[in-house]
């Protein structure tokens, strides 16, 4: 065994995929069959990740409008899946477990009275907890490279701001833009699997050798919570980190009361010596 093979045996990759299965997404409402197409692409993508290295691990979470659930691995007892001719047994387990779990979640989900936000922030927090647990149970000397992929068609959820901030601060060293990750907005949904295999399957080292879509420029200016406009300088709540363009004695997000800032102290002028 050469050194490269020995190094490969001491590391593995953990891929956590968050699939937004909220039926109130506009793209899903317009074409409900797209959810089945997305699920097939995610299954194929997850199996491709497992095929890259035998030690690799996979976790797939369903982000719904009321809760977040694991599609794979299945909590508790695993399914007893028979091997299909010509298909690897693990691939059959992944596909059947995911489809059975998602069918159970959709069947038992509460009925929607109108459009509801997806619990994306909570799903990312659960994925981080799962990654932390796997890392904690990993044997000494074994390196784990973890990634989170979020597949969603939902818009930004302002009501989950606090949860998003907690997640971002927890994983601030793992952020997509900071670590050179990829953000991709698809224009052709028919090519979802091709984009996943091309852009997101290779590890960060391999991506440097590929011609990938140009990165979207990130504007780090914050949007104020009062007018939703980008600002360069503003007031930040010391409790929940909400940002406002003008001073407010009460934070509209966490309702913390602040003292009104007084005028800046004026330095006394030095008397000229005669």
C-alpha atoms as a PDB file:
ATOM      1  CA  UNK A   1       0.000   0.000   0.000  1.00  0.00           C
ATOM      2  CA  UNK A   2       1.484   3.322  -1.041  1.00  0.00           C
ATOM      3  CA  UNK A   3       1.201   6.537   0.951  1.00  0.00           C
ATOM      4  CA  UNK A   4      -1.694   7.956  -1.085  1.00  0.00           C
ATOM      5  CA  UNK A   5      -3.834   4.845  -0.507  1.00  0.00           C
ATOM      6  CA  UNK A   6      -3.025   4.953   3.194  1.00  0.00           C
ATOM      7  CA  UNK A   7      -4.054   8.600   3.404  1.00  0.00           C
ATOM      8  CA  UNK A   8      -7.331   7.886   1.586  1.00  0.00           C
ATOM      9  CA  UNK A   9      -8.218   5.195   4.106  1.00  0.00           C
ATOM     10  CA  UNK A  10      -7.860   7.698   6.954  1.00  0.00           C
ATOM     11  CA  UNK A  11     -10.360  10.232   5.641  1.00  0.00           C
ATOM     12  CA  UNK A  12     -13.933  10.326   4.433  1.00  0.00           C
ATOM     13  CA  UNK A  13     -16.473  12.855   3.295  1.00  0.00           C
ATOM     14  CA  UNK A  14     -19.829  13.556   4.894  1.00  0.00           C
ATOM     15  CA  UNK A  15     -22.401  15.196   2.634  1.00  0.00           C
ATOM     16  CA  UNK A  16     -25.570  16.556   4.225  1.00  0.00           C
ATOM     17  CA  UNK A  17     -28.255  17.505   1.693  1.00  0.00           C
ATOM     18  CA  UNK A  18     -31.205  19.686   2.696  1.00  0.00           C
ATOM     19  CA  UNK A  19     -34.084  19.278   0.239  1.00  0.00           C
ATOM     20  CA  UNK A  20     -36.860  21.844   0.475  1.00  0.00           C
ATOM     21  CA  UNK A  21     -40.049  19.767   0.117  1.00  0.00           C
ATOM     22  CA  UNK A  22     -42.445  22.549   1.095  1.00  0.00           C
ATOM     23  CA  UNK A  23     -45.457  22.253  -1.268  1.00  0.00           C
ATOM     24  CA  UNK A  24     -46.169  25.976  -0.984  1.00  0.00           C
ATOM     25  CA  UNK A  25     -43.047  26.871  -2.979  1.00  0.00           C
ATOM     26  CA  UNK A  26     -44.152  28.763  -6.067  1.00  0.00           C
ATOM     27  CA  UNK A  27     -42.210  26.530  -8.413  1.00  0.00           C
ATOM     28  CA  UNK A  28     -43.756  23.407  -6.858  1.00  0.00           C
ATOM     29  CA  UNK A  29     -47.280  24.873  -6.895  1.00  0.00           C
ATOM     30  CA  UNK A  30     -46.958  25.595 -10.592  1.00  0.00           C
ATOM     31  CA  UNK A  31     -45.668  22.097 -11.402  1.00  0.00           C
ATOM     32  CA  UNK A  32     -46.000  19.508  -8.602  1.00  0.00           C
ATOM     33  CA  UNK A  33     -44.178  16.896 -10.705  1.00  0.00           C
ATOM     34  CA  UNK A  34     -40.948  18.854 -10.288  1.00  0.00           C
ATOM     35  CA  UNK A  35     -40.634  17.581  -6.714  1.00  0.00           C
ATOM     36  CA  UNK A  36     -40.358  14.003  -8.014  1.00  0.00           C
ATOM     37  CA  UNK A  37     -37.751  15.138 -10.542  1.00  0.00           C
ATOM     38  CA  UNK A  38     -35.739  16.877  -7.824  1.00  0.00           C
ATOM     39  CA  UNK A  39     -35.924  13.808  -5.602  1.00  0.00           C
ATOM     40  CA  UNK A  40     -34.602  11.523  -8.356  1.00  0.00           C
ATOM     41  CA  UNK A  41     -31.722  13.924  -8.999  1.00  0.00           C
ATOM     42  CA  UNK A  42     -30.867  14.097  -5.276  1.00  0.00           C
ATOM     43  CA  UNK A  43     -30.870  10.287  -4.994  1.00  0.00           C
ATOM     44  CA  UNK A  44     -28.540   9.940  -7.976  1.00  0.00           C
ATOM     45  CA  UNK A  45     -26.288  12.699  -6.645  1.00  0.00           C
ATOM     46  CA  UNK A  46     -26.125  11.158  -3.175  1.00  0.00           C
ATOM     47  CA  UNK A  47     -25.257   7.741  -4.608  1.00  0.00           C
ATOM     48  CA  UNK A  48     -22.516   9.337  -6.711  1.00  0.00           C
ATOM     49  CA  UNK A  49     -21.043  10.787  -3.514  1.00  0.00           C
ATOM     50  CA  UNK A  50     -21.082   7.360  -1.843  1.00  0.00           C
ATOM     51  CA  UNK A  51     -19.493   5.824  -4.917  1.00  0.00           C
ATOM     52  CA  UNK A  52     -16.476   8.153  -4.772  1.00  0.00           C
ATOM     53  CA  UNK A  53     -15.084   6.529  -1.612  1.00  0.00           C
ATOM     54  CA  UNK A  54     -16.337   3.516   0.317  1.00  0.00           C
ATOM     55  CA  UNK A  55     -15.962   5.364   3.644  1.00  0.00           C
ATOM     56  CA  UNK A  56     -18.125   8.316   2.568  1.00  0.00           C
ATOM     57  CA  UNK A  57     -21.311   9.054   4.501  1.00  0.00           C
ATOM     58  CA  UNK A  58     -24.560  10.640   3.372  1.00  0.00           C
ATOM     59  CA  UNK A  59     -27.398  12.414   5.163  1.00  0.00           C
ATOM     60  CA  UNK A  60     -30.513  13.801   3.474  1.00  0.00           C
ATOM     61  CA  UNK A  61     -32.992  16.015   5.322  1.00  0.00           C
ATOM     62  CA  UNK A  62     -36.473  17.043   4.264  1.00  0.00           C
ATOM     63  CA  UNK A  63     -37.236  20.708   4.969  1.00  0.00           C
ATOM     64  CA  UNK A  64     -41.013  21.052   5.201  1.00  0.00           C
ATOM     65  CA  UNK A  65     -43.325  23.881   6.186  1.00  0.00           C
ATOM     66  CA  UNK A  66     -43.864  22.506   9.682  1.00  0.00           C
ATOM     67  CA  UNK A  67     -40.776  20.461  10.589  1.00  0.00           C
ATOM     68  CA  UNK A  68     -37.462  18.967   9.478  1.00  0.00           C
ATOM     69  CA  UNK A  69     -37.062  15.203   9.178  1.00  0.00           C
ATOM     70  CA  UNK A  70     -34.311  12.842   8.124  1.00  0.00           C
ATOM     71  CA  UNK A  71     -34.958  11.041   4.867  1.00  0.00           C
ATOM     72  CA  UNK A  72     -31.674   9.152   5.109  1.00  0.00           C
ATOM     73  CA  UNK A  73     -30.385   7.579   7.254  1.00  0.00           C
ATOM     74  CA  UNK A  74     -33.714   6.480   8.654  1.00  0.00           C
ATOM     75  CA  UNK A  75     -34.075   7.129  12.391  1.00  0.00           C
ATOM     76  CA  UNK A  76     -34.214   3.877  14.329  1.00  0.00           C
ATOM     77  CA  UNK A  77     -34.419   0.573  12.495  1.00  0.00           C
ATOM     78  CA  UNK A  78     -33.223   0.498   8.891  1.00  0.00           C
ATOM     79  CA  UNK A  79     -35.313  -0.955   6.078  1.00  0.00           C
ATOM     80  CA  UNK A  80     -34.781  -4.546   4.990  1.00  0.00           C
ATOM     81  CA  UNK A  81     -34.068  -3.968   1.306  1.00  0.00           C
ATOM     82  CA  UNK A  82     -33.423  -6.755  -1.142  1.00  0.00           C
ATOM     83  CA  UNK A  83     -30.746  -6.206  -3.732  1.00  0.00           C
ATOM     84  CA  UNK A  84     -32.061  -5.359  -7.189  1.00  0.00           C
ATOM     85  CA  UNK A  85     -30.336  -7.066 -10.079  1.00  0.00           C
ATOM     86  CA  UNK A  86     -27.528  -4.881 -11.370  1.00  0.00           C
ATOM     87  CA  UNK A  87     -27.786  -2.326  -8.541  1.00  0.00           C
ATOM     88  CA  UNK A  88     -25.521  -1.936  -5.540  1.00  0.00           C
ATOM     89  CA  UNK A  89     -27.347  -2.817  -2.316  1.00  0.00           C
ATOM     90  CA  UNK A  90     -26.480   0.491  -0.626  1.00  0.00           C
ATOM     91  CA  UNK A  91     -27.898   2.444  -3.579  1.00  0.00           C
ATOM     92  CA  UNK A  92     -31.174   0.506  -3.316  1.00  0.00           C
ATOM     93  CA  UNK A  93     -31.291   1.243   0.422  1.00  0.00           C
ATOM     94  CA  UNK A  94     -30.774   4.980  -0.144  1.00  0.00           C
ATOM     95  CA  UNK A  95     -33.438   5.247  -2.843  1.00  0.00           C
ATOM     96  CA  UNK A  96     -36.158   3.212  -1.112  1.00  0.00           C
ATOM     97  CA  UNK A  97     -35.536   4.739   2.315  1.00  0.00           C
ATOM     98  CA  UNK A  98     -35.765   8.287   0.978  1.00  0.00           C
ATOM     99  CA  UNK A  99     -38.941   7.682  -1.016  1.00  0.00           C
ATOM    100  CA  UNK A 100     -40.671   5.854   1.836  1.00  0.00           C
ATOM    101  CA  UNK A 101     -39.760   8.517   4.401  1.00  0.00           C
ATOM    102  CA  UNK A 102     -40.835  11.387   2.147  1.00  0.00           C
ATOM    103  CA  UNK A 103     -44.126   9.685   1.355  1.00  0.00           C
ATOM    104  CA  UNK A 104     -44.760   9.294   5.088  1.00  0.00           C
ATOM    105  CA  UNK A 105     -43.892  12.966   5.777  1.00  0.00           C
ATOM    106  CA  UNK A 106     -46.137  14.331   3.016  1.00  0.00           C
ATOM    107  CA  UNK A 107     -49.035  12.080   4.012  1.00  0.00           C
ATOM    108  CA  UNK A 108     -48.904  13.080   7.682  1.00  0.00           C
ATOM    109  CA  UNK A 109     -48.120  16.778   7.165  1.00  0.00           C
ATOM    110  CA  UNK A 110     -50.745  19.261   8.393  1.00  0.00           C
ATOM    111  CA  UNK A 111     -52.867  20.854   5.702  1.00  0.00           C
ATOM    112  CA  UNK A 112     -51.845  24.262   4.407  1.00  0.00           C
ATOM    113  CA  UNK A 113     -54.238  27.186   4.682  1.00  0.00           C
ATOM    114  CA  UNK A 114     -51.958  29.347   2.565  1.00  0.00           C
ATOM    115  CA  UNK A 115     -48.308  29.826   1.599  1.00  0.00           C
ATOM    116  CA  UNK A 116     -45.975  28.965   4.491  1.00  0.00           C
ATOM    117  CA  UNK A 117     -42.249  29.515   4.927  1.00  0.00           C
ATOM    118  CA  UNK A 118     -39.844  26.605   4.745  1.00  0.00           C
ATOM    119  CA  UNK A 119     -37.953  25.786   7.935  1.00  0.00           C
ATOM    120  CA  UNK A 120     -34.574  26.191   6.242  1.00  0.00           C
ATOM    121  CA  UNK A 121     -32.807  27.730   9.227  1.00  0.00           C
ATOM    122  CA  UNK A 122     -33.850  24.872  11.493  1.00  0.00           C
ATOM    123  CA  UNK A 123     -32.839  22.331   8.848  1.00  0.00           C
ATOM    124  CA  UNK A 124     -29.341  23.811   8.625  1.00  0.00           C
ATOM    125  CA  UNK A 125     -29.060  23.763  12.416  1.00  0.00           C
ATOM    126  CA  UNK A 126     -30.061  20.086  12.470  1.00  0.00           C
ATOM    127  CA  UNK A 127     -27.531  19.294   9.741  1.00  0.00           C
ATOM    128  CA  UNK A 128     -24.783  21.015  11.739  1.00  0.00           C
ATOM    129  CA  UNK A 129     -25.723  19.000  14.819  1.00  0.00           C
ATOM    130  CA  UNK A 130     -25.583  15.776  12.818  1.00  0.00           C
ATOM    131  CA  UNK A 131     -22.163  16.693  11.423  1.00  0.00           C
ATOM    132  CA  UNK A 132     -20.924  17.474  14.927  1.00  0.00           C
ATOM    133  CA  UNK A 133     -22.162  14.106  16.214  1.00  0.00           C
ATOM    134  CA  UNK A 134     -20.475  12.169  13.414  1.00  0.00           C
ATOM    135  CA  UNK A 135     -17.259  14.134  13.991  1.00  0.00           C
ATOM    136  CA  UNK A 136     -17.383  13.386  17.709  1.00  0.00           C
ATOM    137  CA  UNK A 137     -17.812   9.638  17.066  1.00  0.00           C
ATOM    138  CA  UNK A 138     -15.054   9.486  14.455  1.00  0.00           C
ATOM    139  CA  UNK A 139     -12.021   7.440  15.481  1.00  0.00           C
ATOM    140  CA  UNK A 140      -8.802   9.238  16.366  1.00  0.00           C
ATOM    141  CA  UNK A 141      -6.556   9.878  13.374  1.00  0.00           C
ATOM    142  CA  UNK A 142      -9.425   9.781  10.862  1.00  0.00           C
ATOM    143  CA  UNK A 143     -10.178  13.059   9.091  1.00  0.00           C
ATOM    144  CA  UNK A 144     -13.707  14.013   8.111  1.00  0.00           C
ATOM    145  CA  UNK A 145     -14.534  16.577   5.437  1.00  0.00           C
ATOM    146  CA  UNK A 146     -18.140  17.724   5.769  1.00  0.00           C
ATOM    147  CA  UNK A 147     -20.327  19.732   3.419  1.00  0.00           C
ATOM    148  CA  UNK A 148     -23.921  20.937   3.403  1.00  0.00           C
ATOM    149  CA  UNK A 149     -25.898  21.336   0.176  1.00  0.00           C
ATOM    150  CA  UNK A 150     -29.201  23.232   0.269  1.00  0.00           C
ATOM    151  CA  UNK A 151     -31.624  22.680  -2.620  1.00  0.00           C
ATOM    152  CA  UNK A 152     -34.547  25.092  -2.394  1.00  0.00           C
ATOM    153  CA  UNK A 153     -36.868  27.211  -4.448  1.00  0.00           C
ATOM    154  CA  UNK A 154     -38.090  29.347  -1.538  1.00  0.00           C
ATOM    155  CA  UNK A 155     -37.458  33.037  -1.083  1.00  0.00           C
ATOM    156  CA  UNK A 156     -35.701  34.614   1.886  1.00  0.00           C
ATOM    157  CA  UNK A 157     -37.452  34.087   5.223  1.00  0.00           C
ATOM    158  CA  UNK A 158     -37.199  37.262   7.300  1.00  0.00           C
ATOM    159  CA  UNK A 159     -39.050  35.740  10.259  1.00  0.00           C
ATOM    160  CA  UNK A 160     -36.237  33.206  10.733  1.00  0.00           C
ATOM    161  CA  UNK A 161     -33.569  35.881  11.026  1.00  0.00           C
ATOM    162  CA  UNK A 162     -32.610  35.009  14.604  1.00  0.00           C
ATOM    163  CA  UNK A 163     -32.208  31.315  13.799  1.00  0.00           C
ATOM    164  CA  UNK A 164     -30.205  32.114  10.677  1.00  0.00           C
ATOM    165  CA  UNK A 165     -27.841  34.304  12.693  1.00  0.00           C
ATOM    166  CA  UNK A 166     -27.316  31.551  15.266  1.00  0.00           C
ATOM    167  CA  UNK A 167     -26.550  29.064  12.507  1.00  0.00           C
ATOM    168  CA  UNK A 168     -24.160  31.431  10.756  1.00  0.00           C
ATOM    169  CA  UNK A 169     -22.253  32.231  13.925  1.00  0.00           C
ATOM    170  CA  UNK A 170     -22.034  28.525  14.750  1.00  0.00           C
ATOM    171  CA  UNK A 171     -20.563  27.698  11.367  1.00  0.00           C
ATOM    172  CA  UNK A 172     -18.895  30.997  10.494  1.00  0.00           C
ATOM    173  CA  UNK A 173     -15.687  29.227   9.447  1.00  0.00           C
ATOM    174  CA  UNK A 174     -17.669  26.937   7.135  1.00  0.00           C
ATOM    175  CA  UNK A 175     -19.540  29.653   5.237  1.00  0.00           C
ATOM    176  CA  UNK A 176     -20.048  29.250   1.505  1.00  0.00           C
ATOM    177  CA  UNK A 177     -18.485  32.559   0.427  1.00  0.00           C
ATOM    178  CA  UNK A 178     -15.704  32.546   3.047  1.00  0.00           C
ATOM    179  CA  UNK A 179     -14.390  29.077   2.167  1.00  0.00           C
ATOM    180  CA  UNK A 180     -14.812  29.386  -1.578  1.00  0.00           C
ATOM    181  CA  UNK A 181     -18.009  27.355  -1.806  1.00  0.00           C
ATOM    182  CA  UNK A 182     -20.449  27.466  -4.681  1.00  0.00           C
ATOM    183  CA  UNK A 183     -23.817  29.169  -4.964  1.00  0.00           C
ATOM    184  CA  UNK A 184     -25.755  28.412  -8.125  1.00  0.00           C
ATOM    185  CA  UNK A 185     -29.158  29.575  -9.270  1.00  0.00           C
ATOM    186  CA  UNK A 186     -30.440  27.244 -11.961  1.00  0.00           C
ATOM    187  CA  UNK A 187     -32.058  28.653 -15.068  1.00  0.00           C
ATOM    188  CA  UNK A 188     -32.911  25.237 -16.543  1.00  0.00           C
ATOM    189  CA  UNK A 189     -34.366  22.825 -13.994  1.00  0.00           C
ATOM    190  CA  UNK A 190     -34.190  19.912 -16.418  1.00  0.00           C
ATOM    191  CA  UNK A 191     -30.423  19.851 -15.975  1.00  0.00           C
ATOM    192  CA  UNK A 192     -30.432  19.718 -12.157  1.00  0.00           C
ATOM    193  CA  UNK A 193     -28.566  16.415 -11.908  1.00  0.00           C
ATOM    194  CA  UNK A 194     -25.936  17.537 -14.439  1.00  0.00           C
ATOM    195  CA  UNK A 195     -25.310  20.723 -12.472  1.00  0.00           C
ATOM    196  CA  UNK A 196     -25.062  18.780  -9.197  1.00  0.00           C
ATOM    197  CA  UNK A 197     -22.518  16.339 -10.615  1.00  0.00           C
ATOM    198  CA  UNK A 198     -20.526  19.071 -12.348  1.00  0.00           C
ATOM    199  CA  UNK A 199     -20.465  21.809  -9.710  1.00  0.00           C
ATOM    200  CA  UNK A 200     -21.145  20.258  -6.305  1.00  0.00           C
ATOM    201  CA  UNK A 201     -19.844  16.687  -6.447  1.00  0.00           C
ATOM    202  CA  UNK A 202     -16.104  17.496  -6.798  1.00  0.00           C
ATOM    203  CA  UNK A 203     -14.301  18.421  -3.587  1.00  0.00           C
ATOM    204  CA  UNK A 204     -12.865  21.954  -3.178  1.00  0.00           C
ATOM    205  CA  UNK A 205      -9.388  20.842  -4.297  1.00  0.00           C
ATOM    206  CA  UNK A 206     -10.726  19.339  -7.530  1.00  0.00           C
ATOM    207  CA  UNK A 207     -12.915  22.372  -8.245  1.00  0.00           C
ATOM    208  CA  UNK A 208      -9.802  24.479  -8.741  1.00  0.00           C
ATOM    209  CA  UNK A 209      -9.043  22.454 -11.891  1.00  0.00           C
ATOM    210  CA  UNK A 210     -12.537  22.767 -13.346  1.00  0.00           C
ATOM    211  CA  UNK A 211     -14.163  25.559 -15.328  1.00  0.00           C
ATOM    212  CA  UNK A 212     -17.112  26.386 -13.085  1.00  0.00           C
ATOM    213  CA  UNK A 213     -19.774  29.090 -13.392  1.00  0.00           C
ATOM    214  CA  UNK A 214     -18.448  32.470 -12.242  1.00  0.00           C
ATOM    215  CA  UNK A 215     -19.095  33.208  -8.598  1.00  0.00           C
ATOM    216  CA  UNK A 216     -21.848  35.657  -7.765  1.00  0.00           C
ATOM    217  CA  UNK A 217     -20.485  38.875  -6.301  1.00  0.00           C
ATOM    218  CA  UNK A 218     -21.552  39.215  -2.685  1.00  0.00           C
ATOM    219  CA  UNK A 219     -22.588  42.640  -1.416  1.00  0.00           C
ATOM    220  CA  UNK A 220     -21.730  42.603   2.277  1.00  0.00           C
ATOM    221  CA  UNK A 221     -23.741  45.716   3.031  1.00  0.00           C
ATOM    222  CA  UNK A 222     -26.593  44.977   5.415  1.00  0.00           C
ATOM    223  CA  UNK A 223     -30.250  45.773   4.768  1.00  0.00           C
ATOM    224  CA  UNK A 224     -32.002  47.700   7.509  1.00  0.00           C
ATOM    225  CA  UNK A 225     -34.962  46.023   9.133  1.00  0.00           C
ATOM    226  CA  UNK A 226     -37.127  49.116   8.956  1.00  0.00           C
ATOM    227  CA  UNK A 227     -37.002  49.915   5.224  1.00  0.00           C
ATOM    228  CA  UNK A 228     -35.181  46.878   3.746  1.00  0.00           C
ATOM    229  CA  UNK A 229     -32.632  49.148   2.102  1.00  0.00           C
ATOM    230  CA  UNK A 230     -28.881  48.562   1.914  1.00  0.00           C
ATOM    231  CA  UNK A 231     -26.926  50.834   4.223  1.00  0.00           C
ATOM    232  CA  UNK A 232     -23.248  51.472   4.916  1.00  0.00           C
ATOM    233  CA  UNK A 233     -23.646  52.769   8.491  1.00  0.00           C
ATOM    234  CA  UNK A 234     -26.494  52.005  10.866  1.00  0.00           C
ATOM    235  CA  UNK A 235     -27.584  51.081  14.388  1.00  0.00           C
ATOM    236  CA  UNK A 236     -27.198  47.457  15.522  1.00  0.00           C
ATOM    237  CA  UNK A 237     -29.196  45.876  18.332  1.00  0.00           C
ATOM    238  CA  UNK A 238     -26.744  44.471  20.866  1.00  0.00           C
ATOM    239  CA  UNK A 239     -29.117  41.598  21.710  1.00  0.00           C
ATOM    240  CA  UNK A 240     -30.329  40.181  18.381  1.00  0.00           C
ATOM    241  CA  UNK A 241     -28.022  42.061  15.949  1.00  0.00           C
ATOM    242  CA  UNK A 242     -30.906  43.568  14.002  1.00  0.00           C
ATOM    243  CA  UNK A 243     -29.843  46.565  11.934  1.00  0.00           C
ATOM    244  CA  UNK A 244     -31.680  49.885  11.570  1.00  0.00           C
ATOM    245  CA  UNK A 245     -30.880  52.966   9.542  1.00  0.00           C
ATOM    246  CA  UNK A 246     -32.203  55.275  12.296  1.00  0.00           C
ATOM    247  CA  UNK A 247     -32.056  54.988  16.069  1.00  0.00           C
ATOM    248  CA  UNK A 248     -35.087  53.340  17.677  1.00  0.00           C
ATOM    249  CA  UNK A 249     -35.546  53.160  21.474  1.00  0.00           C
ATOM    250  CA  UNK A 250     -37.191  49.727  21.094  1.00  0.00           C
ATOM    251  CA  UNK A 251     -35.868  46.966  18.867  1.00  0.00           C
ATOM    252  CA  UNK A 252     -38.729  45.835  16.633  1.00  0.00           C
ATOM    253  CA  UNK A 253     -37.257  42.328  16.403  1.00  0.00           C
ATOM    254  CA  UNK A 254     -36.571  41.324  20.029  1.00  0.00           C
ATOM    255  CA  UNK A 255     -38.370  44.286  21.732  1.00  0.00           C
ATOM    256  CA  UNK A 256     -35.334  45.251  23.802  1.00  0.00           C
ATOM    257  CA  UNK A 257     -35.537  48.781  25.249  1.00  0.00           C
ATOM    258  CA  UNK A 258     -32.486  51.026  24.898  1.00  0.00           C
ATOM    259  CA  UNK A 259     -31.572  54.344  26.394  1.00  0.00           C
ATOM    260  CA  UNK A 260     -31.723  57.354  24.160  1.00  0.00           C
ATOM    261  CA  UNK A 261     -28.199  58.329  23.206  1.00  0.00           C
ATOM    262  CA  UNK A 262     -27.199  61.697  24.578  1.00  0.00           C
ATOM    263  CA  UNK A 263     -25.148  64.300  22.786  1.00  0.00           C
ATOM    264  CA  UNK A 264     -21.491  63.611  22.333  1.00  0.00           C
ATOM    265  CA  UNK A 265     -19.358  65.117  25.089  1.00  0.00           C
ATOM    266  CA  UNK A 266     -17.616  68.308  24.080  1.00  0.00           C
ATOM    267  CA  UNK A 267     -13.980  68.526  25.005  1.00  0.00           C
ATOM    268  CA  UNK A 268     -13.157  71.716  26.893  1.00  0.00           C
ATOM    269  CA  UNK A 269     -11.000  74.119  24.979  1.00  0.00           C
ATOM    270  CA  UNK A 270      -7.533  74.587  26.298  1.00  0.00           C
ATOM    271  CA  UNK A 271      -6.882  78.033  27.650  1.00  0.00           C
ATOM    272  CA  UNK A 272      -4.088  79.859  26.018  1.00  0.00           C
ATOM    273  CA  UNK A 273      -1.271  80.665  28.291  1.00  0.00           C
ATOM    274  CA  UNK A 274      -0.518  84.379  28.533  1.00  0.00           C
END
